[in-house]
Every structure is written in C-alpha cells, then in structure tokens.
Amino acid sequence: LVAVQTPQGFRAAPLLAAYEEAAA
C-alpha cells in the first residue's frame, strides 16, 4: 500500500477522453 500524492501525470489524449466520458 502507498499513500498517494500529486502531481499525477498521464498522456494527454487518453486523459482528456477519459474525463469527457466521465462527465457524460
């Protein structure tokens, strides 16, 4: 187990697509 921090980083295109789907 790890205690998660930020910044959290992701490749931009799949990150944007995931957030748009989450919003929908």
mmCIF file of all heavy atoms, coordinates in Angstrom:
data_MODEL
# 
_entry.id   MODEL 
# 
loop_
_atom_site.group_PDB 
_atom_site.id 
_atom_site.type_symbol 
_atom_site.label_atom_id 
_atom_site.label_alt_id 
_atom_site.label_comp_id 
_atom_site.label_asym_id 
_atom_site.label_entity_id 
_atom_site.label_seq_id 
_atom_site.pdbx_PDB_ins_code 
_atom_site.Cartn_x 
_atom_site.Cartn_y 
_atom_site.Cartn_z 
_atom_site.occupancy 
_atom_site.B_iso_or_equiv 
_atom_site.pdbx_formal_charge 
_atom_site.auth_seq_id 
_atom_site.auth_comp_id 
_atom_site.auth_asym_id 
_atom_site.auth_atom_id 
_atom_site.pdbx_PDB_model_num 
ATOM 1   N N   . LEU A 1 1  ? 0.834   -1.196 0.000   1.00 0.00 ? 1  LEU A N   1 
ATOM 2   C CA  . LEU A 1 1  ? 0.000   0.000  0.000   1.00 0.00 ? 1  LEU A CA  1 
ATOM 3   C C   . LEU A 1 1  ? 0.868   1.245  0.000   1.00 0.00 ? 1  LEU A C   1 
ATOM 4   O O   . LEU A 1 1  ? 1.915   1.297  0.653   1.00 0.00 ? 1  LEU A O   1 
ATOM 5   C CB  . LEU A 1 1  ? -0.916  0.015  1.222   1.00 0.00 ? 1  LEU A CB  1 
ATOM 6   C CG  . LEU A 1 1  ? -1.992  -1.068 1.297   1.00 0.00 ? 1  LEU A CG  1 
ATOM 7   C CD1 . LEU A 1 1  ? -2.805  -0.897 2.567   1.00 0.00 ? 1  LEU A CD1 1 
ATOM 8   C CD2 . LEU A 1 1  ? -2.903  -1.012 0.076   1.00 0.00 ? 1  LEU A CD2 1 
ATOM 9   N N   . VAL A 1 2  ? 0.428   2.262  -0.732  1.00 0.00 ? 2  VAL A N   1 
ATOM 10  C CA  . VAL A 1 2  ? 1.128   3.533  -0.752  1.00 0.00 ? 2  VAL A CA  1 
ATOM 11  C C   . VAL A 1 2  ? 0.137   4.660  -0.515  1.00 0.00 ? 2  VAL A C   1 
ATOM 12  O O   . VAL A 1 2  ? -1.038  4.557  -0.885  1.00 0.00 ? 2  VAL A O   1 
ATOM 13  C CB  . VAL A 1 2  ? 1.875   3.772  -2.092  1.00 0.00 ? 2  VAL A CB  1 
ATOM 14  C CG1 . VAL A 1 2  ? 2.949   2.725  -2.302  1.00 0.00 ? 2  VAL A CG1 1 
ATOM 15  C CG2 . VAL A 1 2  ? 0.908   3.801  -3.268  1.00 0.00 ? 2  VAL A CG2 1 
ATOM 16  N N   . ALA A 1 3  ? 0.603   5.717  0.126   1.00 0.00 ? 3  ALA A N   1 
ATOM 17  C CA  . ALA A 1 3  ? -0.185  6.940  0.292   1.00 0.00 ? 3  ALA A CA  1 
ATOM 18  C C   . ALA A 1 3  ? 0.038   7.798  -0.945  1.00 0.00 ? 3  ALA A C   1 
ATOM 19  O O   . ALA A 1 3  ? 1.154   8.229  -1.219  1.00 0.00 ? 3  ALA A O   1 
ATOM 20  C CB  . ALA A 1 3  ? 0.239   7.677  1.554   1.00 0.00 ? 3  ALA A CB  1 
ATOM 21  N N   . VAL A 1 4  ? -1.020  8.032  -1.692  1.00 0.00 ? 4  VAL A N   1 
ATOM 22  C CA  . VAL A 1 4  ? -0.918  8.689  -2.992  1.00 0.00 ? 4  VAL A CA  1 
ATOM 23  C C   . VAL A 1 4  ? -0.859  10.203 -2.827  1.00 0.00 ? 4  VAL A C   1 
ATOM 24  O O   . VAL A 1 4  ? -1.565  10.790 -2.006  1.00 0.00 ? 4  VAL A O   1 
ATOM 25  C CB  . VAL A 1 4  ? -2.104  8.281  -3.886  1.00 0.00 ? 4  VAL A CB  1 
ATOM 26  C CG1 . VAL A 1 4  ? -2.103  9.075  -5.182  1.00 0.00 ? 4  VAL A CG1 1 
ATOM 27  C CG2 . VAL A 1 4  ? -2.038  6.786  -4.183  1.00 0.00 ? 4  VAL A CG2 1 
ATOM 28  N N   . GLN A 1 5  ? -0.009  10.839 -3.622  1.00 0.00 ? 5  GLN A N   1 
ATOM 29  C CA  . GLN A 1 5  ? 0.129   12.287 -3.646  1.00 0.00 ? 5  GLN A CA  1 
ATOM 30  C C   . GLN A 1 5  ? -0.202  12.814 -5.045  1.00 0.00 ? 5  GLN A C   1 
ATOM 31  O O   . GLN A 1 5  ? -0.645  12.075 -5.924  1.00 0.00 ? 5  GLN A O   1 
ATOM 32  C CB  . GLN A 1 5  ? 1.566   12.683 -3.279  1.00 0.00 ? 5  GLN A CB  1 
ATOM 33  C CG  . GLN A 1 5  ? 2.051   12.228 -1.910  1.00 0.00 ? 5  GLN A CG  1 
ATOM 34  C CD  . GLN A 1 5  ? 3.491   12.638 -1.652  1.00 0.00 ? 5  GLN A CD  1 
ATOM 35  O OE1 . GLN A 1 5  ? 4.206   13.087 -2.543  1.00 0.00 ? 5  GLN A OE1 1 
ATOM 36  N NE2 . GLN A 1 5  ? 3.930   12.494 -0.406  1.00 0.00 ? 5  GLN A NE2 1 
ATOM 37  N N   . THR A 1 6  ? 0.000   14.089 -5.224  1.00 0.00 ? 6  THR A N   1 
ATOM 38  C CA  . THR A 1 6  ? 0.014   14.714 -6.548  1.00 0.00 ? 6  THR A CA  1 
ATOM 39  C C   . THR A 1 6  ? 1.365   15.419 -6.683  1.00 0.00 ? 6  THR A C   1 
ATOM 40  O O   . THR A 1 6  ? 2.025   15.676 -5.672  1.00 0.00 ? 6  THR A O   1 
ATOM 41  C CB  . THR A 1 6  ? -1.131  15.727 -6.720  1.00 0.00 ? 6  THR A CB  1 
ATOM 42  O OG1 . THR A 1 6  ? -0.913  16.870 -5.879  1.00 0.00 ? 6  THR A OG1 1 
ATOM 43  C CG2 . THR A 1 6  ? -2.472  15.102 -6.413  1.00 0.00 ? 6  THR A CG2 1 
ATOM 44  N N   . PRO A 1 7  ? 1.797   15.716 -7.930  1.00 0.00 ? 7  PRO A N   1 
ATOM 45  C CA  . PRO A 1 7  ? 1.059   15.671 -9.195  1.00 0.00 ? 7  PRO A CA  1 
ATOM 46  C C   . PRO A 1 7  ? 0.919   14.246 -9.734  1.00 0.00 ? 7  PRO A C   1 
ATOM 47  O O   . PRO A 1 7  ? 1.802   13.419 -9.557  1.00 0.00 ? 7  PRO A O   1 
ATOM 48  C CB  . PRO A 1 7  ? 1.929   16.507 -10.144 1.00 0.00 ? 7  PRO A CB  1 
ATOM 49  C CG  . PRO A 1 7  ? 3.321   16.316 -9.621  1.00 0.00 ? 7  PRO A CG  1 
ATOM 50  C CD  . PRO A 1 7  ? 3.180   16.252 -8.125  1.00 0.00 ? 7  PRO A CD  1 
ATOM 51  N N   . GLN A 1 8  ? -0.220  14.013 -10.380 1.00 0.00 ? 8  GLN A N   1 
ATOM 52  C CA  . GLN A 1 8  ? -0.458  12.765 -11.085 1.00 0.00 ? 8  GLN A CA  1 
ATOM 53  C C   . GLN A 1 8  ? -0.438  13.078 -12.578 1.00 0.00 ? 8  GLN A C   1 
ATOM 54  O O   . GLN A 1 8  ? -1.089  14.022 -13.023 1.00 0.00 ? 8  GLN A O   1 
ATOM 55  C CB  . GLN A 1 8  ? -1.796  12.159 -10.657 1.00 0.00 ? 8  GLN A CB  1 
ATOM 56  C CG  . GLN A 1 8  ? -1.816  11.836 -9.168  1.00 0.00 ? 8  GLN A CG  1 
ATOM 57  C CD  . GLN A 1 8  ? -3.106  11.199 -8.704  1.00 0.00 ? 8  GLN A CD  1 
ATOM 58  O OE1 . GLN A 1 8  ? -3.959  10.806 -9.500  1.00 0.00 ? 8  GLN A OE1 1 
ATOM 59  N NE2 . GLN A 1 8  ? -3.262  11.077 -7.384  1.00 0.00 ? 8  GLN A NE2 1 
ATOM 60  N N   . GLY A 1 9  ? 0.343   12.305 -13.328 1.00 0.00 ? 9  GLY A N   1 
ATOM 61  C CA  . GLY A 1 9  ? 0.558   12.627 -14.730 1.00 0.00 ? 9  GLY A CA  1 
ATOM 62  C C   . GLY A 1 9  ? 0.082   11.537 -15.664 1.00 0.00 ? 9  GLY A C   1 
ATOM 63  O O   . GLY A 1 9  ? 0.209   10.343 -15.370 1.00 0.00 ? 9  GLY A O   1 
ATOM 64  N N   . PHE A 1 10 ? -0.461  11.940 -16.822 1.00 0.00 ? 10 PHE A N   1 
ATOM 65  C CA  . PHE A 1 10 ? -0.943  10.995 -17.825 1.00 0.00 ? 10 PHE A CA  1 
ATOM 66  C C   . PHE A 1 10 ? -0.740  11.578 -19.217 1.00 0.00 ? 10 PHE A C   1 
ATOM 67  O O   . PHE A 1 10 ? -0.697  12.804 -19.387 1.00 0.00 ? 10 PHE A O   1 
ATOM 68  C CB  . PHE A 1 10 ? -2.441  10.707 -17.620 1.00 0.00 ? 10 PHE A CB  1 
ATOM 69  C CG  . PHE A 1 10 ? -2.727  9.949  -16.356 1.00 0.00 ? 10 PHE A CG  1 
ATOM 70  C CD1 . PHE A 1 10 ? -2.943  10.625 -15.161 1.00 0.00 ? 10 PHE A CD1 1 
ATOM 71  C CD2 . PHE A 1 10 ? -2.757  8.569  -16.355 1.00 0.00 ? 10 PHE A CD2 1 
ATOM 72  C CE1 . PHE A 1 10 ? -3.186  9.937  -13.986 1.00 0.00 ? 10 PHE A CE1 1 
ATOM 73  C CE2 . PHE A 1 10 ? -2.998  7.863  -15.184 1.00 0.00 ? 10 PHE A CE2 1 
ATOM 74  C CZ  . PHE A 1 10 ? -3.212  8.548  -14.006 1.00 0.00 ? 10 PHE A CZ  1 
ATOM 75  N N   . ARG A 1 11 ? -0.623  10.686 -20.184 1.00 0.00 ? 11 ARG A N   1 
ATOM 76  C CA  . ARG A 1 11 ? -0.615  11.141 -21.565 1.00 0.00 ? 11 ARG A CA  1 
ATOM 77  C C   . ARG A 1 11 ? -1.917  11.887 -21.831 1.00 0.00 ? 11 ARG A C   1 
ATOM 78  O O   . ARG A 1 11 ? -2.998  11.481 -21.411 1.00 0.00 ? 11 ARG A O   1 
ATOM 79  C CB  . ARG A 1 11 ? -0.454  9.956  -22.509 1.00 0.00 ? 11 ARG A CB  1 
ATOM 80  C CG  . ARG A 1 11 ? 0.941   9.340  -22.438 1.00 0.00 ? 11 ARG A CG  1 
ATOM 81  C CD  . ARG A 1 11 ? 1.082   8.147  -23.352 1.00 0.00 ? 11 ARG A CD  1 
ATOM 82  N NE  . ARG A 1 11 ? 2.388   7.494  -23.166 1.00 0.00 ? 11 ARG A NE  1 
ATOM 83  C CZ  . ARG A 1 11 ? 2.651   6.241  -23.495 1.00 0.00 ? 11 ARG A CZ  1 
ATOM 84  N NH1 . ARG A 1 11 ? 1.691   5.497  -24.052 1.00 0.00 ? 11 ARG A NH1 1 
ATOM 85  N NH2 . ARG A 1 11 ? 3.850   5.725  -23.294 1.00 0.00 ? 11 ARG A NH2 1 
ATOM 86  N N   . ALA A 1 12 ? -1.783  12.973 -22.550 1.00 0.00 ? 12 ALA A N   1 
ATOM 87  C CA  . ALA A 1 12 ? -2.867  13.953 -22.604 1.00 0.00 ? 12 ALA A CA  1 
ATOM 88  C C   . ALA A 1 12 ? -4.125  13.466 -23.310 1.00 0.00 ? 12 ALA A C   1 
ATOM 89  O O   . ALA A 1 12 ? -5.242  13.680 -22.816 1.00 0.00 ? 12 ALA A O   1 
ATOM 90  C CB  . ALA A 1 12 ? -2.356  15.227 -23.274 1.00 0.00 ? 12 ALA A CB  1 
ATOM 91  N N   . ALA A 1 13 ? -3.988  12.826 -24.464 1.00 0.00 ? 13 ALA A N   1 
ATOM 92  C CA  . ALA A 1 13 ? -5.170  12.446 -25.240 1.00 0.00 ? 13 ALA A CA  1 
ATOM 93  C C   . ALA A 1 13 ? -6.065  11.459 -24.502 1.00 0.00 ? 13 ALA A C   1 
ATOM 94  O O   . ALA A 1 13 ? -7.285  11.689 -24.392 1.00 0.00 ? 13 ALA A O   1 
ATOM 95  C CB  . ALA A 1 13 ? -4.749  11.908 -26.609 1.00 0.00 ? 13 ALA A CB  1 
ATOM 96  N N   . PRO A 1 14 ? -5.544  10.339 -23.972 1.00 0.00 ? 14 PRO A N   1 
ATOM 97  C CA  . PRO A 1 14 ? -6.430  9.443  -23.230 1.00 0.00 ? 14 PRO A CA  1 
ATOM 98  C C   . PRO A 1 14 ? -6.967  10.063 -21.948 1.00 0.00 ? 14 PRO A C   1 
ATOM 99  O O   . PRO A 1 14 ? -8.075  9.730  -21.509 1.00 0.00 ? 14 PRO A O   1 
ATOM 100 C CB  . PRO A 1 14 ? -5.552  8.222  -22.942 1.00 0.00 ? 14 PRO A CB  1 
ATOM 101 C CG  . PRO A 1 14 ? -4.154  8.647  -23.181 1.00 0.00 ? 14 PRO A CG  1 
ATOM 102 C CD  . PRO A 1 14 ? -4.206  9.752  -24.171 1.00 0.00 ? 14 PRO A CD  1 
ATOM 103 N N   . LEU A 1 15 ? -6.213  10.977 -21.337 1.00 0.00 ? 15 LEU A N   1 
ATOM 104 C CA  . LEU A 1 15 ? -6.696  11.652 -20.132 1.00 0.00 ? 15 LEU A CA  1 
ATOM 105 C C   . LEU A 1 15 ? -7.915  12.509 -20.444 1.00 0.00 ? 15 LEU A C   1 
ATOM 106 O O   . LEU A 1 15 ? -8.938  12.437 -19.754 1.00 0.00 ? 15 LEU A O   1 
ATOM 107 C CB  . LEU A 1 15 ? -5.574  12.508 -19.551 1.00 0.00 ? 15 LEU A CB  1 
ATOM 108 C CG  . LEU A 1 15 ? -5.906  13.336 -18.297 1.00 0.00 ? 15 LEU A CG  1 
ATOM 109 C CD1 . LEU A 1 15 ? -6.281  12.441 -17.130 1.00 0.00 ? 15 LEU A CD1 1 
ATOM 110 C CD2 . LEU A 1 15 ? -4.732  14.238 -17.930 1.00 0.00 ? 15 LEU A CD2 1 
ATOM 111 N N   . LEU A 1 16 ? -7.830  13.309 -21.501 1.00 0.00 ? 16 LEU A N   1 
ATOM 112 C CA  . LEU A 1 16 ? -8.962  14.144 -21.894 1.00 0.00 ? 16 LEU A CA  1 
ATOM 113 C C   . LEU A 1 16 ? -10.165 13.286 -22.261 1.00 0.00 ? 16 LEU A C   1 
ATOM 114 O O   . LEU A 1 16 ? -11.299 13.574 -21.846 1.00 0.00 ? 16 LEU A O   1 
ATOM 115 C CB  . LEU A 1 16 ? -8.561  15.035 -23.073 1.00 0.00 ? 16 LEU A CB  1 
ATOM 116 C CG  . LEU A 1 16 ? -9.668  15.900 -23.677 1.00 0.00 ? 16 LEU A CG  1 
ATOM 117 C CD1 . LEU A 1 16 ? -10.242 16.871 -22.660 1.00 0.00 ? 16 LEU A CD1 1 
ATOM 118 C CD2 . LEU A 1 16 ? -9.130  16.658 -24.907 1.00 0.00 ? 16 LEU A CD2 1 
ATOM 119 N N   . ALA A 1 17 ? -9.954  12.222 -23.023 1.00 0.00 ? 17 ALA A N   1 
ATOM 120 C CA  . ALA A 1 17 ? -11.061 11.348 -23.428 1.00 0.00 ? 17 ALA A CA  1 
ATOM 121 C C   . ALA A 1 17 ? -11.725 10.711 -22.218 1.00 0.00 ? 17 ALA A C   1 
ATOM 122 O O   . ALA A 1 17 ? -12.968 10.612 -22.152 1.00 0.00 ? 17 ALA A O   1 
ATOM 123 C CB  . ALA A 1 17 ? -10.550 10.277 -24.389 1.00 0.00 ? 17 ALA A CB  1 
ATOM 124 N N   . ALA A 1 18 ? -10.942 10.279 -21.236 1.00 0.00 ? 18 ALA A N   1 
ATOM 125 C CA  . ALA A 1 18 ? -11.497 9.652  -20.044 1.00 0.00 ? 18 ALA A CA  1 
ATOM 126 C C   . ALA A 1 18 ? -12.355 10.634 -19.258 1.00 0.00 ? 18 ALA A C   1 
ATOM 127 O O   . ALA A 1 18 ? -13.439 10.283 -18.761 1.00 0.00 ? 18 ALA A O   1 
ATOM 128 C CB  . ALA A 1 18 ? -10.365 9.112  -19.165 1.00 0.00 ? 18 ALA A CB  1 
ATOM 129 N N   . TYR A 1 19 ? -11.908 11.879 -19.165 1.00 0.00 ? 19 TYR A N   1 
ATOM 130 C CA  . TYR A 1 19 ? -12.669 12.858 -18.398 1.00 0.00 ? 19 TYR A CA  1 
ATOM 131 C C   . TYR A 1 19 ? -13.946 13.277 -19.114 1.00 0.00 ? 19 TYR A C   1 
ATOM 132 O O   . TYR A 1 19 ? -14.967 13.543 -18.471 1.00 0.00 ? 19 TYR A O   1 
ATOM 133 C CB  . TYR A 1 19 ? -11.787 14.072 -18.069 1.00 0.00 ? 19 TYR A CB  1 
ATOM 134 C CG  . TYR A 1 19 ? -11.116 13.900 -16.723 1.00 0.00 ? 19 TYR A CG  1 
ATOM 135 C CD1 . TYR A 1 19 ? -10.038 13.042 -16.577 1.00 0.00 ? 19 TYR A CD1 1 
ATOM 136 C CD2 . TYR A 1 19 ? -11.588 14.549 -15.594 1.00 0.00 ? 19 TYR A CD2 1 
ATOM 137 C CE1 . TYR A 1 19 ? -9.429  12.846 -15.347 1.00 0.00 ? 19 TYR A CE1 1 
ATOM 138 C CE2 . TYR A 1 19 ? -10.994 14.368 -14.361 1.00 0.00 ? 19 TYR A CE2 1 
ATOM 139 C CZ  . TYR A 1 19 ? -9.919  13.506 -14.239 1.00 0.00 ? 19 TYR A CZ  1 
ATOM 140 O OH  . TYR A 1 19 ? -9.340  13.295 -13.008 1.00 0.00 ? 19 TYR A OH  1 
ATOM 141 N N   . GLU A 1 20 ? -13.911 13.328 -20.416 1.00 0.00 ? 20 GLU A N   1 
ATOM 142 C CA  . GLU A 1 20 ? -15.136 13.642 -21.147 1.00 0.00 ? 20 GLU A CA  1 
ATOM 143 C C   . GLU A 1 20 ? -16.156 12.508 -20.991 1.00 0.00 ? 20 GLU A C   1 
ATOM 144 O O   . GLU A 1 20 ? -17.353 12.751 -20.828 1.00 0.00 ? 20 GLU A O   1 
ATOM 145 C CB  . GLU A 1 20 ? -14.826 13.892 -22.626 1.00 0.00 ? 20 GLU A CB  1 
ATOM 146 C CG  . GLU A 1 20 ? -14.078 15.191 -22.893 1.00 0.00 ? 20 GLU A CG  1 
ATOM 147 C CD  . GLU A 1 20 ? -14.908 16.438 -22.642 1.00 0.00 ? 20 GLU A CD  1 
ATOM 148 O OE1 . GLU A 1 20 ? -16.065 16.341 -22.180 1.00 0.00 ? 20 GLU A OE1 1 
ATOM 149 O OE2 . GLU A 1 20 ? -14.387 17.555 -22.894 1.00 0.00 ? 20 GLU A OE2 1 
ATOM 150 N N   . GLU A 1 21 ? -15.676 11.260 -21.017 1.00 0.00 ? 21 GLU A N   1 
ATOM 151 C CA  . GLU A 1 21 ? -16.593 10.136 -20.818 1.00 0.00 ? 21 GLU A CA  1 
ATOM 152 C C   . GLU A 1 21 ? -17.134 10.135 -19.394 1.00 0.00 ? 21 GLU A C   1 
ATOM 153 O O   . GLU A 1 21 ? -18.315 9.863  -19.165 1.00 0.00 ? 21 GLU A O   1 
ATOM 154 C CB  . GLU A 1 21 ? -15.896 8.818  -21.124 1.00 0.00 ? 21 GLU A CB  1 
ATOM 155 C CG  . GLU A 1 21 ? -16.834 7.624  -21.038 1.00 0.00 ? 21 GLU A CG  1 
ATOM 156 C CD  . GLU A 1 21 ? -16.207 6.323  -21.476 1.00 0.00 ? 21 GLU A CD  1 
ATOM 157 O OE1 . GLU A 1 21 ? -15.042 6.326  -21.919 1.00 0.00 ? 21 GLU A OE1 1 
ATOM 158 O OE2 . GLU A 1 21 ? -16.901 5.282  -21.366 1.00 0.00 ? 21 GLU A OE2 1 
ATOM 159 N N   . ALA A 1 22 ? -16.275 10.435 -18.443 1.00 0.00 ? 22 ALA A N   1 
ATOM 160 C CA  . ALA A 1 22 ? -16.721 10.504 -17.052 1.00 0.00 ? 22 ALA A CA  1 
ATOM 161 C C   . ALA A 1 22 ? -17.811 11.561 -16.876 1.00 0.00 ? 22 ALA A C   1 
ATOM 162 O O   . ALA A 1 22 ? -18.795 11.348 -16.160 1.00 0.00 ? 22 ALA A O   1 
ATOM 163 C CB  . ALA A 1 22 ? -15.537 10.806 -16.139 1.00 0.00 ? 22 ALA A CB  1 
ATOM 164 N N   . ALA A 1 23 ? -17.638 12.706 -17.534 1.00 0.00 ? 23 ALA A N   1 
ATOM 165 C CA  . ALA A 1 23 ? -18.648 13.764 -17.446 1.00 0.00 ? 23 ALA A CA  1 
ATOM 166 C C   . ALA A 1 23 ? -19.965 13.311 -18.052 1.00 0.00 ? 23 ALA A C   1 
ATOM 167 O O   . ALA A 1 23 ? -21.046 13.579 -17.507 1.00 0.00 ? 23 ALA A O   1 
ATOM 168 C CB  . ALA A 1 23 ? -18.140 15.020 -18.151 1.00 0.00 ? 23 ALA A CB  1 
ATOM 169 N N   . ALA A 1 24 ? -19.892 12.613 -19.176 1.00 0.00 ? 24 ALA A N   1 
ATOM 170 C CA  . ALA A 1 24 ? -21.108 12.132 -19.835 1.00 0.00 ? 24 ALA A CA  1 
ATOM 171 C C   . ALA A 1 24 ? -21.864 11.134 -18.965 1.00 0.00 ? 24 ALA A C   1 
ATOM 172 O O   . ALA A 1 24 ? -23.096 11.041 -19.034 1.00 0.00 ? 24 ALA A O   1 
ATOM 173 C CB  . ALA A 1 24 ? -20.753 11.504 -21.182 1.00 0.00 ? 24 ALA A CB  1 
# 
